[in-house]
C-alpha atoms as a PDB file:
ATOM      1  CA  UNK A   1      74.089  93.855  61.547  1.00  0.00           C
ATOM      2  CA  UNK A   2      75.080  96.097  64.466  1.00  0.00           C
ATOM      3  CA  UNK A   3      74.352  94.884  67.984  1.00  0.00           C
ATOM      4  CA  UNK A   4      75.481  95.298  71.525  1.00  0.00           C
ATOM      5  CA  UNK A   5      77.136  92.109  72.782  1.00  0.00           C
ATOM      6  CA  UNK A   6      77.851  92.443  76.486  1.00  0.00           C
ATOM      7  CA  UNK A   7      79.374  95.906  76.701  1.00  0.00           C
ATOM      8  CA  UNK A   8      80.814  95.916  73.159  1.00  0.00           C
ATOM      9  CA  UNK A   9      79.295  97.043  69.906  1.00  0.00           C
ATOM     10  CA  UNK A  10      79.698  94.346  67.253  1.00  0.00           C
ATOM     11  CA  UNK A  11      78.919  93.703  63.649  1.00  0.00           C
ATOM     12  CA  UNK A  12      77.194  90.328  63.562  1.00  0.00           C
ATOM     13  CA  UNK A  13      76.491  88.020  60.677  1.00  0.00           C
ATOM     14  CA  UNK A  14      75.502  84.410  60.200  1.00  0.00           C
ATOM     15  CA  UNK A  15      77.595  82.030  58.138  1.00  0.00           C
ATOM     16  CA  UNK A  16      75.737  79.086  56.640  1.00  0.00           C
ATOM     17  CA  UNK A  17      77.513  76.006  55.353  1.00  0.00           C
ATOM     18  CA  UNK A  18      80.947  74.450  55.556  1.00  0.00           C
ATOM     19  CA  UNK A  19      83.530  75.939  57.885  1.00  0.00           C
ATOM     20  CA  UNK A  20      86.177  76.125  55.158  1.00  0.00           C
ATOM     21  CA  UNK A  21      84.128  78.930  53.558  1.00  0.00           C
ATOM     22  CA  UNK A  22      84.108  81.055  56.729  1.00  0.00           C
ATOM     23  CA  UNK A  23      87.027  83.254  55.551  1.00  0.00           C
ATOM     24  CA  UNK A  24      84.699  84.653  52.875  1.00  0.00           C
ATOM     25  CA  UNK A  25      82.185  85.706  55.536  1.00  0.00           C
ATOM     26  CA  UNK A  26      84.987  87.235  57.646  1.00  0.00           C
ATOM     27  CA  UNK A  27      86.162  89.203  54.585  1.00  0.00           C
ATOM     28  CA  UNK A  28      82.624  90.530  54.057  1.00  0.00           C
ATOM     29  CA  UNK A  29      82.409  91.665  57.691  1.00  0.00           C
ATOM     30  CA  UNK A  30      85.782  93.447  57.553  1.00  0.00           C
ATOM     31  CA  UNK A  31      84.822  95.111  54.248  1.00  0.00           C
ATOM     32  CA  UNK A  32      81.503  96.242  55.776  1.00  0.00           C
ATOM     33  CA  UNK A  33      83.336  97.705  58.783  1.00  0.00           C
ATOM     34  CA  UNK A  34      85.778  99.580  56.565  1.00  0.00           C
ATOM     35  CA  UNK A  35      83.078 100.878  54.206  1.00  0.00           C
ATOM     36  CA  UNK A  36      81.097 102.243  57.148  1.00  0.00           C
ATOM     37  CA  UNK A  37      84.021 103.808  59.012  1.00  0.00           C
ATOM     38  CA  UNK A  38      84.027 101.395  61.965  1.00  0.00           C
ATOM     39  CA  UNK A  39      87.259 100.653  63.803  1.00  0.00           C
ATOM     40  CA  UNK A  40      87.788  96.960  64.542  1.00  0.00           C
ATOM     41  CA  UNK A  41      88.934  96.739  68.185  1.00  0.00           C
ATOM     42  CA  UNK A  42      89.418  92.998  68.730  1.00  0.00           C
ATOM     43  CA  UNK A  43      89.611  89.656  66.984  1.00  0.00           C
ATOM     44  CA  UNK A  44      86.433  88.154  65.537  1.00  0.00           C
ATOM     45  CA  UNK A  45      84.478  85.696  67.663  1.00  0.00           C
ATOM     46  CA  UNK A  46      82.199  82.947  66.523  1.00  0.00           C
ATOM     47  CA  UNK A  47      79.568  80.684  67.991  1.00  0.00           C
ATOM     48  CA  UNK A  48      78.487  77.444  66.338  1.00  0.00           C
ATOM     49  CA  UNK A  49      74.686  77.426  66.479  1.00  0.00           C
ATOM     50  CA  UNK A  50      73.886  74.474  64.213  1.00  0.00           C
ATOM     51  CA  UNK A  51      76.234  71.761  62.988  1.00  0.00           C
ATOM     52  CA  UNK A  52      76.825  68.062  62.551  1.00  0.00           C
ATOM     53  CA  UNK A  53      75.316  67.417  65.996  1.00  0.00           C
ATOM     54  CA  UNK A  54      71.817  68.589  65.007  1.00  0.00           C
ATOM     55  CA  UNK A  55      71.555  69.052  61.236  1.00  0.00           C
ATOM     56  CA  UNK A  56      71.338  66.560  58.400  1.00  0.00           C
ATOM     57  CA  UNK A  57      73.449  68.412  55.810  1.00  0.00           C
ATOM     58  CA  UNK A  58      76.413  70.766  55.892  1.00  0.00           C
ATOM     59  CA  UNK A  59      74.335  73.414  54.100  1.00  0.00           C
ATOM     60  CA  UNK A  60      72.217  73.709  57.272  1.00  0.00           C
ATOM     61  CA  UNK A  61      75.168  74.446  59.568  1.00  0.00           C
ATOM     62  CA  UNK A  62      75.043  77.971  60.995  1.00  0.00           C
ATOM     63  CA  UNK A  63      77.754  79.915  62.784  1.00  0.00           C
ATOM     64  CA  UNK A  64      77.291  83.410  64.175  1.00  0.00           C
ATOM     65  CA  UNK A  65      80.317  85.660  63.689  1.00  0.00           C
ATOM     66  CA  UNK A  66      80.859  88.780  65.811  1.00  0.00           C
ATOM     67  CA  UNK A  67      83.345  91.499  64.939  1.00  0.00           C
ATOM     68  CA  UNK A  68      83.895  93.918  67.878  1.00  0.00           C
ATOM     69  CA  UNK A  69      84.030  97.527  66.662  1.00  0.00           C
ATOM     70  CA  UNK A  70      84.284 101.094  67.869  1.00  0.00           C
ATOM     71  CA  UNK A  71      81.853 103.558  66.354  1.00  0.00           C
ATOM     72  CA  UNK A  72      83.609 106.538  64.788  1.00  0.00           C
END
């Protein structure tokens, strides 16, 4: 889950499915950060990898979410 994105350390996760369920994935990322003592230093970012433009069903849509953090 942890990766270096540019010069920032981020928690990354993939959200699969409809966009209206993304808040649940965001909540999981924030809970993971808190449970592991990471300080969130910026707003989450996301990148749509797969969607209506290249997948047949909404269940195949994939969005990568990045939560910039500071290691404690």
